PDB file of N, CA and C in Angstrom:
ATOM      1  N   UNK A   1      -3.964  12.461  45.108  1.00  0.00           N
ATOM      2  CA  UNK A   1      -3.847  13.525  44.109  1.00  0.00           C
ATOM      3  C   UNK A   1      -5.303  13.922  43.727  1.00  0.00           C
ATOM      4  N   UNK A   2      -5.450  15.125  43.136  1.00  0.00           N
ATOM      5  CA  UNK A   2      -6.640  15.665  42.820  1.00  0.00           C
ATOM      6  C   UNK A   2      -7.307  14.959  41.692  1.00  0.00           C
ATOM      7  N   UNK A   3      -6.516  14.449  40.750  1.00  0.00           N
ATOM      8  CA  UNK A   3      -6.986  13.693  39.589  1.00  0.00           C
ATOM      9  C   UNK A   3      -7.737  12.362  39.938  1.00  0.00           C
ATOM     10  N   UNK A   4      -7.183  11.815  41.034  1.00  0.00           N
ATOM     11  CA  UNK A   4      -7.808  10.512  41.511  1.00  0.00           C
ATOM     12  C   UNK A   4      -9.224  10.705  41.941  1.00  0.00           C
ATOM     13  N   UNK A   5      -9.431  11.958  42.653  1.00  0.00           N
ATOM     14  CA  UNK A   5     -10.812  12.220  43.087  1.00  0.00           C
ATOM     15  C   UNK A   5     -11.717  12.631  41.956  1.00  0.00           C
ATOM     16  N   UNK A   6     -11.243  13.296  40.945  1.00  0.00           N
ATOM     17  CA  UNK A   6     -11.978  13.637  39.761  1.00  0.00           C
ATOM     18  C   UNK A   6     -11.523  12.925  38.533  1.00  0.00           C
ATOM     19  N   UNK A   7     -11.914  11.653  38.432  1.00  0.00           N
ATOM     20  CA  UNK A   7     -11.485  10.865  37.261  1.00  0.00           C
ATOM     21  C   UNK A   7     -11.975  11.440  35.944  1.00  0.00           C
ATOM     22  N   UNK A   8     -13.068  12.179  35.978  1.00  0.00           N
ATOM     23  CA  UNK A   8     -13.567  12.672  34.681  1.00  0.00           C
ATOM     24  C   UNK A   8     -12.740  13.908  34.152  1.00  0.00           C
ATOM     25  N   UNK A   9     -11.842  14.398  34.959  1.00  0.00           N
ATOM     26  CA  UNK A   9     -10.952  15.422  34.505  1.00  0.00           C
ATOM     27  C   UNK A   9      -9.753  14.899  33.668  1.00  0.00           C
ATOM     28  N   UNK A  10      -9.541  13.576  33.841  1.00  0.00           N
ATOM     29  CA  UNK A  10      -8.354  12.994  33.203  1.00  0.00           C
ATOM     30  C   UNK A  10      -8.516  12.805  31.717  1.00  0.00           C
ATOM     31  N   UNK A  11      -7.583  13.134  30.898  1.00  0.00           N
ATOM     32  CA  UNK A  11      -7.654  13.029  29.547  1.00  0.00           C
ATOM     33  C   UNK A  11      -6.643  12.011  28.989  1.00  0.00           C
ATOM     34  N   UNK A  12      -7.153  11.108  28.195  1.00  0.00           N
ATOM     35  CA  UNK A  12      -6.228  10.091  27.759  1.00  0.00           C
ATOM     36  C   UNK A  12      -5.467  10.625  26.464  1.00  0.00           C
ATOM     37  N   UNK A  13      -4.429   9.950  26.152  1.00  0.00           N
ATOM     38  CA  UNK A  13      -3.680  10.382  24.944  1.00  0.00           C
ATOM     39  C   UNK A  13      -4.362  10.299  23.695  1.00  0.00           C
ATOM     40  N   UNK A  14      -5.218   9.378  23.523  1.00  0.00           N
ATOM     41  CA  UNK A  14      -6.011   9.404  22.195  1.00  0.00           C
ATOM     42  C   UNK A  14      -7.053  10.414  22.127  1.00  0.00           C
ATOM     43  N   UNK A  15      -7.652  10.721  23.250  1.00  0.00           N
ATOM     44  CA  UNK A  15      -8.683  11.817  23.303  1.00  0.00           C
ATOM     45  C   UNK A  15      -7.960  13.211  23.053  1.00  0.00           C
ATOM     46  N   UNK A  16      -6.711  13.317  23.523  1.00  0.00           N
ATOM     47  CA  UNK A  16      -5.977  14.536  23.281  1.00  0.00           C
ATOM     48  C   UNK A  16      -5.732  14.756  21.822  1.00  0.00           C
ATOM     49  N   UNK A  17      -5.324  13.658  21.095  1.00  0.00           N
ATOM     50  CA  UNK A  17      -5.018  13.791  19.672  1.00  0.00           C
ATOM     51  C   UNK A  17      -6.314  13.943  18.911  1.00  0.00           C
ATOM     52  N   UNK A  18      -7.403  13.524  19.365  1.00  0.00           N
ATOM     53  CA  UNK A  18      -8.743  13.742  18.661  1.00  0.00           C
ATOM     54  C   UNK A  18      -8.984  15.212  18.679  1.00  0.00           C
ATOM     55  N   UNK A  19      -8.638  15.937  19.698  1.00  0.00           N
ATOM     56  CA  UNK A  19      -8.890  17.459  19.776  1.00  0.00           C
ATOM     57  C   UNK A  19      -7.966  18.125  18.778  1.00  0.00           C
ATOM     58  N   UNK A  20      -6.755  17.555  18.571  1.00  0.00           N
ATOM     59  CA  UNK A  20      -5.829  18.212  17.586  1.00  0.00           C
ATOM     60  C   UNK A  20      -6.496  18.086  16.151  1.00  0.00           C
ATOM     61  N   UNK A  21      -7.153  16.920  15.858  1.00  0.00           N
ATOM     62  CA  UNK A  21      -7.717  16.722  14.570  1.00  0.00           C
ATOM     63  C   UNK A  21      -8.860  17.688  14.365  1.00  0.00           C
ATOM     64  N   UNK A  22      -9.359  18.377  15.343  1.00  0.00           N
ATOM     65  CA  UNK A  22     -10.371  19.295  15.119  1.00  0.00           C
ATOM     66  C   UNK A  22      -9.887  20.724  14.696  1.00  0.00           C
ATOM     67  N   UNK A  23      -8.589  21.009  14.844  1.00  0.00           N
ATOM     68  CA  UNK A  23      -8.023  22.229  14.366  1.00  0.00           C
ATOM     69  C   UNK A  23      -7.975  22.220  12.834  1.00  0.00           C
ATOM     70  N   UNK A  24      -8.376  23.251  12.185  1.00  0.00           N
ATOM     71  CA  UNK A  24      -8.681  23.172  10.792  1.00  0.00           C
ATOM     72  C   UNK A  24      -7.477  22.767   9.919  1.00  0.00           C
ATOM     73  N   UNK A  25      -6.282  23.413   9.928  1.00  0.00           N
ATOM     74  CA  UNK A  25      -5.183  22.877   9.042  1.00  0.00           C
ATOM     75  C   UNK A  25      -4.804  21.504   9.308  1.00  0.00           C
ATOM     76  N   UNK A  26      -4.777  21.141  10.624  1.00  0.00           N
ATOM     77  CA  UNK A  26      -4.309  19.779  10.911  1.00  0.00           C
ATOM     78  C   UNK A  26      -5.456  18.782  10.701  1.00  0.00           C
ATOM     79  N   UNK A  27      -6.663  19.188  10.794  1.00  0.00           N
ATOM     80  CA  UNK A  27      -7.748  18.296  10.486  1.00  0.00           C
ATOM     81  C   UNK A  27      -7.772  17.891   9.046  1.00  0.00           C
ATOM     82  N   UNK A  28      -7.440  18.793   8.162  1.00  0.00           N
ATOM     83  CA  UNK A  28      -7.356  18.519   6.725  1.00  0.00           C
ATOM     84  C   UNK A  28      -6.208  17.523   6.508  1.00  0.00           C
ATOM     85  N   UNK A  29      -5.130  17.717   7.124  1.00  0.00           N
ATOM     86  CA  UNK A  29      -3.930  16.841   6.989  1.00  0.00           C
ATOM     87  C   UNK A  29      -4.284  15.373   7.501  1.00  0.00           C
ATOM     88  N   UNK A  30      -4.904  15.358   8.657  1.00  0.00           N
ATOM     89  CA  UNK A  30      -5.350  14.123   9.249  1.00  0.00           C
ATOM     90  C   UNK A  30      -6.337  13.399   8.405  1.00  0.00           C
ATOM     91  N   UNK A  31      -7.299  14.067   7.775  1.00  0.00           N
ATOM     92  CA  UNK A  31      -8.284  13.555   6.905  1.00  0.00           C
ATOM     93  C   UNK A  31      -7.591  12.888   5.681  1.00  0.00           C
ATOM     94  N   UNK A  32      -6.589  13.670   5.107  1.00  0.00           N
ATOM     95  CA  UNK A  32      -5.925  13.077   3.929  1.00  0.00           C
ATOM     96  C   UNK A  32      -5.096  11.863   4.309  1.00  0.00           C
ATOM     97  N   UNK A  33      -4.526  11.875   5.534  1.00  0.00           N
ATOM     98  CA  UNK A  33      -3.723  10.726   5.956  1.00  0.00           C
ATOM     99  C   UNK A  33      -4.565   9.489   6.246  1.00  0.00           C
ATOM    100  N   UNK A  34      -5.797   9.692   6.751  1.00  0.00           N
ATOM    101  CA  UNK A  34      -6.721   8.590   6.880  1.00  0.00           C
ATOM    102  C   UNK A  34      -7.189   8.005   5.586  1.00  0.00           C
ATOM    103  N   UNK A  35      -7.255   8.816   4.546  1.00  0.00           N
ATOM    104  CA  UNK A  35      -7.535   8.307   3.250  1.00  0.00           C
ATOM    105  C   UNK A  35      -6.360   7.717   2.454  1.00  0.00           C
ATOM    106  N   UNK A  36      -5.181   7.733   3.127  1.00  0.00           N
ATOM    107  CA  UNK A  36      -3.938   7.144   2.661  1.00  0.00           C
ATOM    108  C   UNK A  36      -3.415   7.828   1.436  1.00  0.00           C
ATOM    109  N   UNK A  37      -3.542   9.211   1.442  1.00  0.00           N
ATOM    110  CA  UNK A  37      -2.969  10.013   0.402  1.00  0.00           C
ATOM    111  C   UNK A  37      -1.482  10.072   0.437  1.00  0.00           C
ATOM    112  N   UNK A  38      -0.870  10.029   1.673  1.00  0.00           N
ATOM    113  CA  UNK A  38       0.495  10.066   1.884  1.00  0.00           C
ATOM    114  C   UNK A  38       1.253   8.697   1.938  1.00  0.00           C
ATOM    115  N   UNK A  39       0.471   7.704   1.818  1.00  0.00           N
ATOM    116  CA  UNK A  39       0.969   6.255   1.940  1.00  0.00           C
ATOM    117  C   UNK A  39       1.810   5.930   0.677  1.00  0.00           C
ATOM    118  N   UNK A  40       3.107   5.843   0.843  1.00  0.00           N
ATOM    119  CA  UNK A  40       4.002   5.526  -0.266  1.00  0.00           C
ATOM    120  C   UNK A  40       3.752   4.108  -0.764  1.00  0.00           C
ATOM    121  N   UNK A  41       3.384   3.158   0.016  1.00  0.00           N
ATOM    122  CA  UNK A  41       3.148   1.831  -0.424  1.00  0.00           C
ATOM    123  C   UNK A  41       1.949   1.867  -1.402  1.00  0.00           C
ATOM    124  N   UNK A  42       0.853   2.524  -1.020  1.00  0.00           N
ATOM    125  CA  UNK A  42      -0.262   2.547  -1.892  1.00  0.00           C
ATOM    126  C   UNK A  42      -0.074   3.293  -3.221  1.00  0.00           C
ATOM    127  N   UNK A  43       0.704   4.469  -3.146  1.00  0.00           N
ATOM    128  CA  UNK A  43       0.997   5.234  -4.311  1.00  0.00           C
ATOM    129  C   UNK A  43       1.884   4.273  -5.230  1.00  0.00           C
ATOM    130  N   UNK A  44       2.888   3.713  -4.645  1.00  0.00           N
ATOM    131  CA  UNK A  44       3.732   2.922  -5.441  1.00  0.00           C
ATOM    132  C   UNK A  44       2.977   1.651  -6.068  1.00  0.00           C
ATOM    133  N   UNK A  45       2.051   1.152  -5.375  1.00  0.00           N
ATOM    134  CA  UNK A  45       1.240   0.038  -5.882  1.00  0.00           C
ATOM    135  C   UNK A  45       0.336   0.524  -7.053  1.00  0.00           C
ATOM    136  N   UNK A  46      -0.268   1.655  -6.980  1.00  0.00           N
ATOM    137  CA  UNK A  46      -1.085   2.164  -8.087  1.00  0.00           C
ATOM    138  C   UNK A  46      -0.232   2.391  -9.306  1.00  0.00           C
ATOM    139  N   UNK A  47       0.940   2.939  -9.080  1.00  0.00           N
ATOM    140  CA  UNK A  47       1.857   3.223 -10.292  1.00  0.00           C
ATOM    141  C   UNK A  47       2.316   1.955 -10.936  1.00  0.00           C
ATOM    142  N   UNK A  48       2.786   1.004 -10.101  1.00  0.00           N
ATOM    143  CA  UNK A  48       3.226  -0.245 -10.491  1.00  0.00           C
ATOM    144  C   UNK A  48       2.264  -1.029 -11.310  1.00  0.00           C
ATOM    145  N   UNK A  49       1.094  -1.208 -10.741  1.00  0.00           N
ATOM    146  CA  UNK A  49       0.002  -1.884 -11.385  1.00  0.00           C
ATOM    147  C   UNK A  49      -0.423  -1.201 -12.712  1.00  0.00           C
ATOM    148  N   UNK A  50      -0.481   0.125 -12.699  1.00  0.00           N
ATOM    149  CA  UNK A  50      -0.884   0.903 -13.871  1.00  0.00           C
ATOM    150  C   UNK A  50       0.151   0.604 -15.035  1.00  0.00           C
ATOM    151  N   UNK A  51       1.454   0.668 -14.701  1.00  0.00           N
ATOM    152  CA  UNK A  51       2.460   0.454 -15.636  1.00  0.00           C
ATOM    153  C   UNK A  51       2.319  -1.011 -16.127  1.00  0.00           C
ATOM    154  N   UNK A  52       2.074  -1.921 -15.281  1.00  0.00           N
ATOM    155  CA  UNK A  52       1.967  -3.334 -15.635  1.00  0.00           C
ATOM    156  C   UNK A  52       0.753  -3.542 -16.591  1.00  0.00           C
ATOM    157  N   UNK A  53      -0.370  -2.818 -16.371  1.00  0.00           N
ATOM    158  CA  UNK A  53      -1.532  -2.944 -17.254  1.00  0.00           C
ATOM    159  C   UNK A  53      -1.210  -2.380 -18.634  1.00  0.00           C
ATOM    160  N   UNK A  54      -0.438  -1.277 -18.662  1.00  0.00           N
ATOM    161  CA  UNK A  54      -0.035  -0.845 -19.992  1.00  0.00           C
ATOM    162  C   UNK A  54       0.788  -1.746 -20.702  1.00  0.00           C
ATOM    163  N   UNK A  55       1.834  -2.414 -20.075  1.00  0.00           N
ATOM    164  CA  UNK A  55       2.669  -3.344 -20.679  1.00  0.00           C
ATOM    165  C   UNK A  55       1.813  -4.652 -21.151  1.00  0.00           C
ATOM    166  N   UNK A  56       0.870  -5.050 -20.342  1.00  0.00           N
ATOM    167  CA  UNK A  56       0.075  -6.230 -20.723  1.00  0.00           C
ATOM    168  C   UNK A  56      -0.751  -5.898 -21.849  1.00  0.00           C
ATOM    169  N   UNK A  57      -1.241  -4.621 -22.105  1.00  0.00           N
ATOM    170  CA  UNK A  57      -2.012  -4.299 -23.249  1.00  0.00           C
ATOM    171  C   UNK A  57      -1.096  -4.237 -24.505  1.00  0.00           C
ATOM    172  N   UNK A  58       0.088  -3.727 -24.331  1.00  0.00           N
ATOM    173  CA  UNK A  58       1.063  -3.688 -25.505  1.00  0.00           C
ATOM    174  C   UNK A  58       1.546  -5.007 -25.920  1.00  0.00           C
ATOM    175  N   UNK A  59       1.857  -5.846 -24.985  1.00  0.00           N
ATOM    176  CA  UNK A  59       2.333  -7.241 -25.339  1.00  0.00           C
ATOM    177  C   UNK A  59       1.191  -8.255 -25.309  1.00  0.00           C
ATOM    178  N   UNK A  60       0.595  -8.279 -26.460  1.00  0.00           N
ATOM    179  CA  UNK A  60      -0.699  -9.169 -26.463  1.00  0.00           C
ATOM    180  C   UNK A  60      -0.484 -10.555 -26.995  1.00  0.00           C
ATOM    181  N   UNK A  61       0.799 -11.028 -27.292  1.00  0.00           N
ATOM    182  CA  UNK A  61       0.958 -12.280 -27.661  1.00  0.00           C
ATOM    183  C   UNK A  61       1.193 -12.564 -29.186  1.00  0.00           C
ATOM    184  N   UNK A  62       1.079 -11.500 -29.921  1.00  0.00           N
ATOM    185  CA  UNK A  62       1.159 -11.650 -31.471  1.00  0.00           C
ATOM    186  C   UNK A  62       2.624 -11.418 -31.777  1.00  0.00           C
ATOM    187  N   UNK A  63       3.170 -12.497 -32.485  1.00  0.00           N
ATOM    188  CA  UNK A  63       4.615 -12.513 -32.808  1.00  0.00           C
ATOM    189  C   UNK A  63       5.047 -11.220 -33.603  1.00  0.00           C
ATOM    190  N   UNK A  64       4.255 -10.752 -34.499  1.00  0.00           N
ATOM    191  CA  UNK A  64       4.600  -9.678 -35.324  1.00  0.00           C
ATOM    192  C   UNK A  64       4.656  -8.336 -34.416  1.00  0.00           C
ATOM    193  N   UNK A  65       3.825  -8.269 -33.425  1.00  0.00           N
ATOM    194  CA  UNK A  65       3.944  -7.091 -32.535  1.00  0.00           C
ATOM    195  C   UNK A  65       5.206  -7.179 -31.795  1.00  0.00           C
ATOM    196  N   UNK A  66       5.682  -8.308 -31.329  1.00  0.00           N
ATOM    197  CA  UNK A  66       6.961  -8.478 -30.536  1.00  0.00           C
ATOM    198  C   UNK A  66       8.048  -8.135 -31.535  1.00  0.00           C
ATOM    199  N   UNK A  67       8.027  -8.508 -32.701  1.00  0.00           N
ATOM    200  CA  UNK A  67       9.121  -8.168 -33.664  1.00  0.00           C
ATOM    201  C   UNK A  67       9.077  -6.704 -33.951  1.00  0.00           C
ATOM    202  N   UNK A  68       8.004  -6.041 -33.972  1.00  0.00           N
ATOM    203  CA  UNK A  68       7.950  -4.557 -34.120  1.00  0.00           C
ATOM    204  C   UNK A  68       8.553  -3.901 -32.873  1.00  0.00           C
ATOM    205  N   UNK A  69       8.220  -4.392 -31.748  1.00  0.00           N
ATOM    206  CA  UNK A  69       8.835  -3.803 -30.577  1.00  0.00           C
ATOM    207  C   UNK A  69      10.404  -3.964 -30.506  1.00  0.00           C
ATOM    208  N   UNK A  70      10.833  -5.040 -30.983  1.00  0.00           N
ATOM    209  CA  UNK A  70      12.283  -5.281 -31.112  1.00  0.00           C
ATOM    210  C   UNK A  70      12.977  -4.329 -32.005  1.00  0.00           C
ATOM    211  N   UNK A  71      12.376  -4.166 -33.146  1.00  0.00           N
ATOM    212  CA  UNK A  71      12.873  -3.149 -34.212  1.00  0.00           C
ATOM    213  C   UNK A  71      12.863  -1.719 -33.638  1.00  0.00           C
ATOM    214  N   UNK A  72      11.757  -1.382 -32.962  1.00  0.00           N
ATOM    215  CA  UNK A  72      11.627  -0.072 -32.353  1.00  0.00           C
ATOM    216  C   UNK A  72      12.731   0.147 -31.323  1.00  0.00           C
ATOM    217  N   UNK A  73      12.938  -0.857 -30.445  1.00  0.00           N
ATOM    218  CA  UNK A  73      14.009  -0.763 -29.453  1.00  0.00           C
ATOM    219  C   UNK A  73      15.360  -0.609 -30.069  1.00  0.00           C
ATOM    220  N   UNK A  74      15.552  -1.381 -31.192  1.00  0.00           N
ATOM    221  CA  UNK A  74      16.933  -1.249 -31.909  1.00  0.00           C
ATOM    222  C   UNK A  74      17.064   0.113 -32.457  1.00  0.00           C
ATOM    223  N   UNK A  75      15.966   0.716 -33.048  1.00  0.00           N
ATOM    224  CA  UNK A  75      16.051   2.052 -33.678  1.00  0.00           C
ATOM    225  C   UNK A  75      16.409   3.035 -32.588  1.00  0.00           C
ATOM    226  N   UNK A  76      15.807   2.918 -31.420  1.00  0.00           N
ATOM    227  CA  UNK A  76      15.956   3.859 -30.284  1.00  0.00           C
ATOM    228  C   UNK A  76      17.473   3.777 -29.784  1.00  0.00           C
ATOM    229  N   UNK A  77      17.897   2.445 -29.623  1.00  0.00           N
ATOM    230  CA  UNK A  77      19.285   2.372 -29.186  1.00  0.00           C
ATOM    231  C   UNK A  77      20.255   2.875 -30.155  1.00  0.00           C
ATOM    232  N   UNK A  78      20.106   2.583 -31.403  1.00  0.00           N
ATOM    233  CA  UNK A  78      20.962   3.120 -32.475  1.00  0.00           C
ATOM    234  C   UNK A  78      20.980   4.681 -32.426  1.00  0.00           C
ATOM    235  N   UNK A  79      19.821   5.304 -32.304  1.00  0.00           N
ATOM    236  CA  UNK A  79      19.821   6.716 -32.216  1.00  0.00           C
ATOM    237  C   UNK A  79      20.517   7.246 -30.962  1.00  0.00           C
ATOM    238  N   UNK A  80      20.372   6.637 -29.873  1.00  0.00           N
ATOM    239  CA  UNK A  80      21.078   7.065 -28.637  1.00  0.00           C
ATOM    240  C   UNK A  80      22.570   6.856 -28.753  1.00  0.00           C
ATOM    241  N   UNK A  81      22.985   5.730 -29.258  1.00  0.00           N
ATOM    242  CA  UNK A  81      24.468   5.441 -29.277  1.00  0.00           C
ATOM    243  C   UNK A  81      25.158   6.184 -30.500  1.00  0.00           C
ATOM    244  N   UNK A  82      24.445   6.399 -31.537  1.00  0.00           N
ATOM    245  CA  UNK A  82      25.227   7.091 -32.694  1.00  0.00           C
ATOM    246  C   UNK A  82      24.887   8.591 -32.808  1.00  0.00           C
ATOM    247  N   UNK A  83      24.361   9.096 -31.858  1.00  0.00           N
ATOM    248  CA  UNK A  83      23.977  10.543 -31.844  1.00  0.00           C
ATOM    249  C   UNK A  83      25.210  11.423 -31.710  1.00  0.00           C
TER     250      UNK A  83
END
C-alpha cells in the first residue's frame, strides 16, 4: 500500500482530534472541557461543600442557637400547613 511507503503521511487518531481543537468554536468548547467546566462531579462537589460550609457556620454548637433554629423551623412548618 502507498501509506506503508510514506509513513509520514499517516495520521493517528489523536493527531486528527488535535486539529479539530484548532477550529475556533470547537477549540473554545475543548478548552472549557479541559478546565472541567462541564464536569458534573466537580460542579456537584463545589455546591455540596459550599452548602456544607454554610451549615457548619450556622450550627456552631451553642444550645440557644439550636433552639432558635427549632423554633424557626416550627414557625415555617406552621405557616406552610395552616396557610
